[in-house]
Protein backbone atom coordinates (compact mmCIF):
# COMPACT_ATOMS: atom_id res chain seq x y z
CA MET A 1 110.48 120.22 99.04
CA ARG A 2 111.82 116.73 99.69
CA LEU A 3 109.40 114.19 101.16
CA PRO A 4 110.80 112.14 104.03
CA THR A 5 111.28 108.46 103.21
CA ASN A 6 108.75 107.43 105.86
CA LEU A 7 106.01 109.64 104.42
CA LEU A 8 106.72 108.54 100.87
CA THR A 9 106.73 104.89 101.98
CA SER A 10 103.34 105.32 103.63
CA LEU A 11 101.84 107.09 100.61
CA VAL A 12 103.08 104.45 98.17
CA ALA A 13 101.90 101.56 100.36
CA VAL A 14 98.46 103.13 100.81
CA ALA A 15 98.16 103.76 97.05
CA TRP A 16 98.97 100.10 96.33
CA VAL A 17 96.77 98.54 98.99
CA GLY A 18 93.96 101.03 98.42
CA SER A 19 93.90 100.24 94.70
CA LEU A 20 93.89 96.50 95.44
CA TRP A 21 90.95 96.80 97.78
CA SER A 22 88.94 99.30 95.74
CA VAL A 23 89.29 97.55 92.37
CA GLY A 24 88.88 93.97 93.56
CA LEU A 25 86.46 94.36 96.42
CA LEU A 26 84.34 97.32 95.29
CA VAL A 27 84.59 98.19 91.59
CA ALA A 28 84.67 94.68 90.07
CA PRO A 29 81.61 93.37 91.95
CA THR A 30 79.76 96.62 91.22
CA LEU A 31 80.44 96.31 87.48
CA PHE A 32 79.22 92.73 87.38
CA ALA A 33 76.09 93.67 89.33
CA GLY A 34 75.42 96.73 87.17
CA LEU A 35 76.10 95.00 83.87
CA ASP A 36 74.29 91.79 84.75
CA HIS A 37 72.72 91.79 81.28
CA ASP A 38 76.17 91.83 79.62
CA ARG A 39 78.60 89.77 81.67
CA ALA A 40 81.07 89.64 78.76
CA LEU A 41 81.36 93.44 78.79
CA ALA A 42 81.67 93.45 82.59
CA GLY A 43 84.42 90.81 82.40
CA SER A 44 86.27 92.75 79.73
CA LEU A 45 86.13 95.99 81.73
CA VAL A 46 87.15 94.28 84.97
CA GLY A 47 90.04 92.59 83.17
CA LYS A 48 91.32 95.97 81.97
CA LEU A 49 90.98 97.39 85.49
CA PHE A 50 92.96 94.49 86.94
CA GLU A 51 95.69 95.01 84.34
CA ARG A 52 96.00 98.68 85.30
CA GLN A 53 95.87 97.88 89.00
CA ALA A 54 98.64 95.31 88.48
CA LEU A 55 100.83 97.93 86.78
CA LEU A 56 100.21 100.32 89.66
CA GLY A 57 100.87 97.53 92.16
CA ALA A 58 104.13 96.46 90.52
CA SER A 59 105.28 100.09 90.34
CA CYS A 60 104.44 100.69 93.99
CA GLY A 61 105.98 97.40 95.10
CA PHE A 62 109.28 98.01 93.36
CA LEU A 63 109.32 101.61 94.55
CA LEU A 64 108.81 100.37 98.12
CA LEU A 65 111.71 97.94 97.69
CA GLY A 66 113.84 100.80 96.39
CA LEU A 67 112.89 102.99 99.32
CA ALA A 68 113.79 100.14 101.67
CA ALA A 69 117.18 99.80 99.99
CA VAL A 70 118.04 103.49 100.26
CA SER A 71 116.73 103.98 103.80
CA GLY A 72 119.93 102.40 105.12
CA ASN A 73 118.23 101.02 108.21
CA GLU A 74 118.37 97.37 109.22
CA ALA A 75 114.90 97.55 110.78
CA ARG A 76 112.92 98.05 107.56
CA ARG A 77 109.34 96.89 108.12
CA GLY A 78 107.28 94.90 105.65
CA GLY A 79 109.99 93.91 103.18
CA TRP A 80 109.07 90.24 102.91
CA THR A 81 105.40 91.12 102.75
CA ILE A 82 106.12 93.32 99.72
CA VAL A 83 108.11 90.54 98.06
CA ALA A 84 105.24 88.08 98.66
CA MET A 85 102.70 90.55 97.27
CA LEU A 86 104.83 91.11 94.17
CA ALA A 87 105.21 87.35 93.69
CA LEU A 88 101.44 86.83 93.89
CA LEU A 89 100.88 89.71 91.48
CA GLY A 90 103.42 88.18 89.08
CA VAL A 91 101.79 84.75 89.16
CA ARG A 92 98.35 86.26 88.59
CA MET A 93 99.33 88.54 85.74
CA LEU A 94 102.05 86.52 84.00
CA LEU A 95 100.66 82.99 84.35
CA ILE A 96 96.97 83.06 85.20
CA ALA A 97 95.72 86.14 83.29
CA PRO A 98 97.06 84.90 79.91
CA ALA A 99 95.36 81.52 80.45
CA ILE A 100 92.08 83.26 81.29
CA ALA A 101 92.42 85.57 78.27
CA GLU A 102 93.05 82.59 75.98
CA LEU A 103 89.97 80.78 77.28
CA ARG A 104 87.91 83.98 76.97
CA SER A 105 88.99 84.51 73.35
CA ALA A 106 88.10 80.88 72.58
CA GLY A 107 84.62 81.49 74.01
CA ALA A 108 85.19 79.01 76.82
CA VAL A 109 84.10 81.22 79.72
CA THR A 110 81.65 78.56 80.89
CA SER A 111 84.24 75.77 80.84
CA SER A 112 85.60 74.09 83.95
CA SER A 113 89.11 75.21 82.95
CA PHE A 114 88.02 78.84 83.03
CA ALA A 115 86.43 78.31 86.45
CA VAL A 116 89.63 76.76 87.82
CA TRP A 117 91.88 79.53 86.49
CA HIS A 118 89.47 82.23 87.63
CA GLY A 119 89.17 80.65 91.08
CA ALA A 120 92.96 80.51 91.42
CA SER A 121 93.21 84.15 90.41
CA VAL A 122 90.57 85.19 92.94
CA ALA A 123 92.27 83.21 95.71
CA LEU A 124 95.66 84.78 95.01
CA TYR A 125 94.07 88.24 94.79
CA LEU A 126 92.41 87.80 98.20
CA ILE A 127 95.71 86.63 99.71
CA GLU A 128 97.39 89.70 98.20
CA CYS A 129 94.67 91.92 99.71
CA THR A 130 95.22 90.32 103.10
CA LEU A 131 98.98 90.78 102.84
CA GLY A 132 98.32 94.42 101.90
CA GLY A 133 96.48 94.88 105.17
CA LEU A 134 99.38 93.23 106.98
CA LEU A 135 101.81 95.60 105.23
CA ILE A 136 99.89 98.66 106.41
CA VAL A 137 99.85 97.27 109.97
CA GLN A 138 103.59 96.55 109.79
CA LEU A 139 104.35 100.07 108.61
CA ARG A 140 102.07 101.56 111.27
CA ARG A 141 103.57 99.38 114.00
CA GLY A 142 107.04 100.46 112.93
CA GLY A 143 106.06 104.09 113.46
CA ALA A 144 104.55 103.38 116.87
CA GLN A 145 107.57 101.41 118.07
CA SER A 146 109.88 104.25 117.18
CA GLY A 147 107.90 106.76 119.21
CA GLY A 148 105.94 108.01 116.22
CA ASN A 149 109.06 108.42 114.09
CA ARG A 150 108.44 106.28 111.03
CA SER A 151 111.79 107.03 109.46
CA ARG A 152 112.81 103.42 110.02
CA GLY A 153 111.16 102.44 106.76
CA LEU A 154 110.61 98.79 105.79
CA SER A 155 111.74 95.71 107.72
CA TRP A 156 112.79 92.43 106.23
CA SER A 157 112.13 90.75 109.56
CA GLY A 158 108.36 91.32 109.26
CA ARG A 159 108.16 91.99 113.03
């Protein structure tokens, strides 16, 4: 059985955005609250979760771009939102995460540098979460505008 592009697009987008929201807004705060006595362990576990979520996010993002490319429709919804989300993910994981890891390994988790890097990471993550919500709305709106037929896929216009 071959899944229609619109269904596959929706499933991939929901997997990406759902993982963003669940890891960053539910699991990470819960781990820090539950492991309040060992914040280093909580930070280590959350860091590993964010790494795995980033791999899932990058995979989903590039798969969505591929689906947009093969859909052959000029009215592909959410394309620039996906590119922005991938860019934020890249900055967080390729620039900010290594700086945080270096400070953590040096035992500088209470330094102002750590706080600045961590704050930047949180801000970018929250922007990515917001863009994820926008992506879902864009994909949903695309289906509604086509009379419930979501086969239009992703749009680079963002409308």
